[in-house]
Amino acid sequence: MITVDQAMLENRFHYPINDKKCALWRRNGMTKRWKRNHNRFSIPVKFGLYDYGYITDENSREFHLPHECPVEMGVNI
């Protein structure tokens, strides 16, 4: 899970594909924060050359940091 503090500082994030592999997503811009709700954030990210998306406070449970990777093999694609 990505926290608000990690959303502001980290540049690389893992997304588990299966039990043995994680996809490496990279930051692609500044983190957007909301004034009325300090726990809300949106990080623009990219994977490879053509895949783009956002890590938000709603889907942050699906992502984790590379050094906290639960995948034992440590294989990145």
N, C-alpha and C. Protein backbone atom coordinates (compact mmCIF):
# COMPACT_ATOMS: atom_id res chain seq x y z
N MET A 1 0.84 -1.19 0.00
CA MET A 1 0.00 0.00 0.00
C MET A 1 0.88 1.25 0.00
N ILE A 2 0.52 2.21 -0.80
CA ILE A 2 1.24 3.47 -0.90
C ILE A 2 0.58 4.48 0.04
N THR A 3 1.37 5.10 0.91
CA THR A 3 0.85 6.11 1.83
C THR A 3 1.00 7.49 1.21
N VAL A 4 0.43 8.49 1.86
CA VAL A 4 0.50 9.86 1.35
C VAL A 4 1.95 10.35 1.34
N ASP A 5 2.72 10.04 2.37
CA ASP A 5 4.13 10.45 2.42
C ASP A 5 4.94 9.80 1.32
N GLN A 6 4.71 8.52 1.07
CA GLN A 6 5.41 7.82 0.00
C GLN A 6 5.00 8.36 -1.36
N ALA A 7 3.76 8.78 -1.50
CA ALA A 7 3.29 9.34 -2.77
C ALA A 7 4.03 10.62 -3.12
N MET A 8 4.44 11.36 -2.11
CA MET A 8 5.15 12.61 -2.35
C MET A 8 6.62 12.40 -2.68
N LEU A 9 7.24 11.33 -2.19
CA LEU A 9 8.68 11.16 -2.29
C LEU A 9 9.16 10.12 -3.30
N GLU A 10 8.47 9.00 -3.41
CA GLU A 10 8.96 7.87 -4.21
C GLU A 10 8.74 8.08 -5.70
N ASN A 11 9.60 7.44 -6.50
CA ASN A 11 9.52 7.55 -7.96
C ASN A 11 9.19 6.24 -8.66
N ARG A 12 9.34 5.12 -7.97
CA ARG A 12 9.09 3.81 -8.57
C ARG A 12 8.14 3.01 -7.70
N PHE A 13 7.23 2.30 -8.38
CA PHE A 13 6.20 1.54 -7.68
C PHE A 13 6.04 0.18 -8.35
N HIS A 14 5.74 -0.84 -7.57
CA HIS A 14 5.50 -2.18 -8.09
C HIS A 14 4.01 -2.48 -8.09
N TYR A 15 3.59 -3.19 -9.13
CA TYR A 15 2.22 -3.69 -9.23
C TYR A 15 2.30 -5.19 -9.47
N PRO A 16 1.77 -6.03 -8.58
CA PRO A 16 1.91 -7.48 -8.76
C PRO A 16 1.08 -7.99 -9.94
N ILE A 17 1.73 -8.79 -10.79
CA ILE A 17 1.06 -9.40 -11.93
C ILE A 17 0.57 -10.80 -11.54
N ASN A 18 1.46 -11.57 -10.93
CA ASN A 18 1.11 -12.88 -10.41
C ASN A 18 1.99 -13.15 -9.19
N ASP A 19 2.12 -14.39 -8.78
CA ASP A 19 2.90 -14.71 -7.57
C ASP A 19 4.39 -14.53 -7.74
N LYS A 20 4.88 -14.47 -8.99
CA LYS A 20 6.32 -14.42 -9.22
C LYS A 20 6.83 -13.15 -9.90
N LYS A 21 5.94 -12.29 -10.36
CA LYS A 21 6.37 -11.10 -11.10
C LYS A 21 5.63 -9.85 -10.66
N CYS A 22 6.35 -8.75 -10.73
CA CYS A 22 5.77 -7.43 -10.48
C CYS A 22 6.13 -6.52 -11.65
N ALA A 23 5.20 -5.65 -12.02
CA ALA A 23 5.46 -4.66 -13.05
C ALA A 23 5.97 -3.39 -12.38
N LEU A 24 6.98 -2.78 -12.96
CA LEU A 24 7.57 -1.56 -12.41
C LEU A 24 6.95 -0.35 -13.10
N TRP A 25 6.22 0.45 -12.34
CA TRP A 25 5.64 1.69 -12.81
C TRP A 25 6.49 2.84 -12.30
N ARG A 26 6.70 3.86 -13.16
CA ARG A 26 7.54 5.00 -12.79
C ARG A 26 6.71 6.27 -12.75
N ARG A 27 7.13 7.19 -11.88
CA ARG A 27 6.45 8.48 -11.78
C ARG A 27 6.59 9.24 -13.10
N ASN A 28 5.52 9.93 -13.49
CA ASN A 28 5.52 10.66 -14.75
C ASN A 28 5.09 12.12 -14.54
N GLY A 29 5.22 12.63 -13.34
CA GLY A 29 4.84 14.01 -13.06
C GLY A 29 4.69 14.23 -11.57
N MET A 30 4.13 15.38 -11.21
CA MET A 30 3.97 15.74 -9.80
C MET A 30 2.74 15.07 -9.20
N THR A 31 2.81 14.82 -7.91
CA THR A 31 1.66 14.29 -7.18
C THR A 31 0.66 15.40 -6.94
N LYS A 32 -0.60 15.13 -7.25
CA LYS A 32 -1.66 16.10 -7.02
C LYS A 32 -2.27 15.83 -5.65
N ARG A 33 -2.45 16.88 -4.85
CA ARG A 33 -3.06 16.77 -3.51
C ARG A 33 -4.29 17.67 -3.46
N TRP A 34 -5.23 17.34 -2.62
CA TRP A 34 -6.44 18.11 -2.44
C TRP A 34 -6.37 18.88 -1.14
N LYS A 35 -6.87 20.13 -1.14
CA LYS A 35 -6.81 20.97 0.05
C LYS A 35 -7.83 20.55 1.10
N ARG A 36 -9.01 20.15 0.70
CA ARG A 36 -10.06 19.83 1.66
C ARG A 36 -9.91 18.43 2.26
N ASN A 37 -9.24 17.54 1.54
CA ASN A 37 -9.03 16.18 2.04
C ASN A 37 -7.55 15.86 1.88
N HIS A 38 -6.78 15.95 2.95
CA HIS A 38 -5.33 15.79 2.87
C HIS A 38 -4.89 14.36 2.60
N ASN A 39 -5.78 13.40 2.76
CA ASN A 39 -5.43 12.00 2.49
C ASN A 39 -5.66 11.62 1.03
N ARG A 40 -6.19 12.53 0.23
CA ARG A 40 -6.47 12.25 -1.17
C ARG A 40 -5.27 12.68 -2.02
N PHE A 41 -4.84 11.80 -2.95
CA PHE A 41 -3.72 12.10 -3.83
C PHE A 41 -3.88 11.38 -5.15
N SER A 42 -3.10 11.83 -6.13
CA SER A 42 -3.08 11.22 -7.46
C SER A 42 -1.68 11.36 -8.03
N ILE A 43 -1.06 10.21 -8.37
CA ILE A 43 0.29 10.20 -8.92
C ILE A 43 0.21 9.75 -10.37
N PRO A 44 0.65 10.58 -11.33
CA PRO A 44 0.71 10.10 -12.71
C PRO A 44 1.89 9.15 -12.87
N VAL A 45 1.64 7.97 -13.47
CA VAL A 45 2.68 6.96 -13.63
C VAL A 45 2.66 6.42 -15.05
N LYS A 46 3.79 5.79 -15.45
CA LYS A 46 3.86 5.16 -16.76
C LYS A 46 4.56 3.82 -16.63
N PHE A 47 4.21 2.92 -17.56
CA PHE A 47 4.81 1.59 -17.63
C PHE A 47 5.24 1.38 -19.07
N GLY A 48 6.53 1.19 -19.27
CA GLY A 48 7.03 1.01 -20.64
C GLY A 48 6.92 2.30 -21.44
N LEU A 49 6.63 2.15 -22.73
CA LEU A 49 6.55 3.33 -23.60
C LEU A 49 5.15 3.89 -23.77
N TYR A 50 4.13 3.03 -23.68
CA TYR A 50 2.79 3.46 -24.08
C TYR A 50 1.72 3.33 -23.02
N ASP A 51 2.00 2.75 -21.88
CA ASP A 51 0.99 2.57 -20.85
C ASP A 51 1.11 3.66 -19.79
N TYR A 52 0.01 4.37 -19.56
CA TYR A 52 -0.03 5.45 -18.58
C TYR A 52 -1.20 5.22 -17.64
N GLY A 53 -1.12 5.78 -16.46
CA GLY A 53 -2.20 5.66 -15.51
C GLY A 53 -1.96 6.53 -14.30
N TYR A 54 -2.76 6.31 -13.26
CA TYR A 54 -2.66 7.09 -12.03
C TYR A 54 -2.73 6.15 -10.84
N ILE A 55 -1.92 6.42 -9.84
CA ILE A 55 -2.07 5.78 -8.54
C ILE A 55 -2.80 6.79 -7.68
N THR A 56 -3.96 6.42 -7.20
CA THR A 56 -4.77 7.32 -6.38
C THR A 56 -4.93 6.73 -4.99
N ASP A 57 -5.56 7.50 -4.12
CA ASP A 57 -5.82 7.00 -2.78
C ASP A 57 -6.78 5.81 -2.81
N GLU A 58 -7.56 5.67 -3.88
CA GLU A 58 -8.51 4.57 -3.99
C GLU A 58 -7.85 3.26 -4.43
N ASN A 59 -6.85 3.32 -5.32
CA ASN A 59 -6.21 2.09 -5.81
C ASN A 59 -4.80 1.89 -5.24
N SER A 60 -4.41 2.66 -4.23
CA SER A 60 -3.06 2.57 -3.69
C SER A 60 -2.80 1.26 -2.97
N ARG A 61 -3.85 0.53 -2.60
CA ARG A 61 -3.67 -0.77 -1.93
C ARG A 61 -3.10 -1.82 -2.87
N GLU A 62 -3.26 -1.62 -4.17
CA GLU A 62 -2.77 -2.58 -5.15
C GLU A 62 -1.27 -2.43 -5.43
N PHE A 63 -0.70 -1.28 -5.13
CA PHE A 63 0.70 -0.98 -5.41
C PHE A 63 1.53 -1.09 -4.13
N HIS A 64 2.84 -1.26 -4.31
CA HIS A 64 3.77 -1.24 -3.19
C HIS A 64 5.12 -0.73 -3.70
N LEU A 65 6.03 -0.45 -2.78
CA LEU A 65 7.36 0.04 -3.15
C LEU A 65 8.27 -1.12 -3.49
N PRO A 66 9.27 -0.91 -4.37
CA PRO A 66 10.17 -2.01 -4.75
C PRO A 66 10.92 -2.63 -3.58
N HIS A 67 11.34 -1.85 -2.59
CA HIS A 67 12.06 -2.44 -1.47
C HIS A 67 11.14 -3.15 -0.48
N GLU A 68 9.81 -3.01 -0.64
CA GLU A 68 8.84 -3.71 0.20
C GLU A 68 8.14 -4.83 -0.58
N CYS A 69 8.75 -5.27 -1.67
CA CYS A 69 8.11 -6.23 -2.58
C CYS A 69 7.92 -7.59 -1.90
N PRO A 70 6.67 -8.08 -1.87
CA PRO A 70 6.42 -9.39 -1.27
C PRO A 70 6.77 -10.55 -2.19
N VAL A 71 7.05 -10.29 -3.44
CA VAL A 71 7.41 -11.35 -4.38
C VAL A 71 8.82 -11.82 -4.05
N GLU A 72 8.97 -13.09 -3.76
CA GLU A 72 10.26 -13.61 -3.30
C GLU A 72 11.29 -13.68 -4.42
N MET A 73 10.86 -13.87 -5.65
CA MET A 73 11.80 -14.00 -6.76
C MET A 73 12.45 -12.66 -7.09
N GLY A 74 11.73 -11.57 -6.90
CA GLY A 74 12.29 -10.27 -7.19
C GLY A 74 12.43 -9.99 -8.68
N VAL A 75 11.66 -10.68 -9.50
CA VAL A 75 11.75 -10.52 -10.95
C VAL A 75 10.85 -9.36 -11.37
N ASN A 76 11.38 -8.43 -12.11
CA ASN A 76 10.63 -7.31 -12.63
C ASN A 76 10.52 -7.45 -14.14
N ILE A 77 9.36 -7.05 -14.66
CA ILE A 77 9.25 -7.04 -16.12
C ILE A 77 9.10 -5.62 -16.60
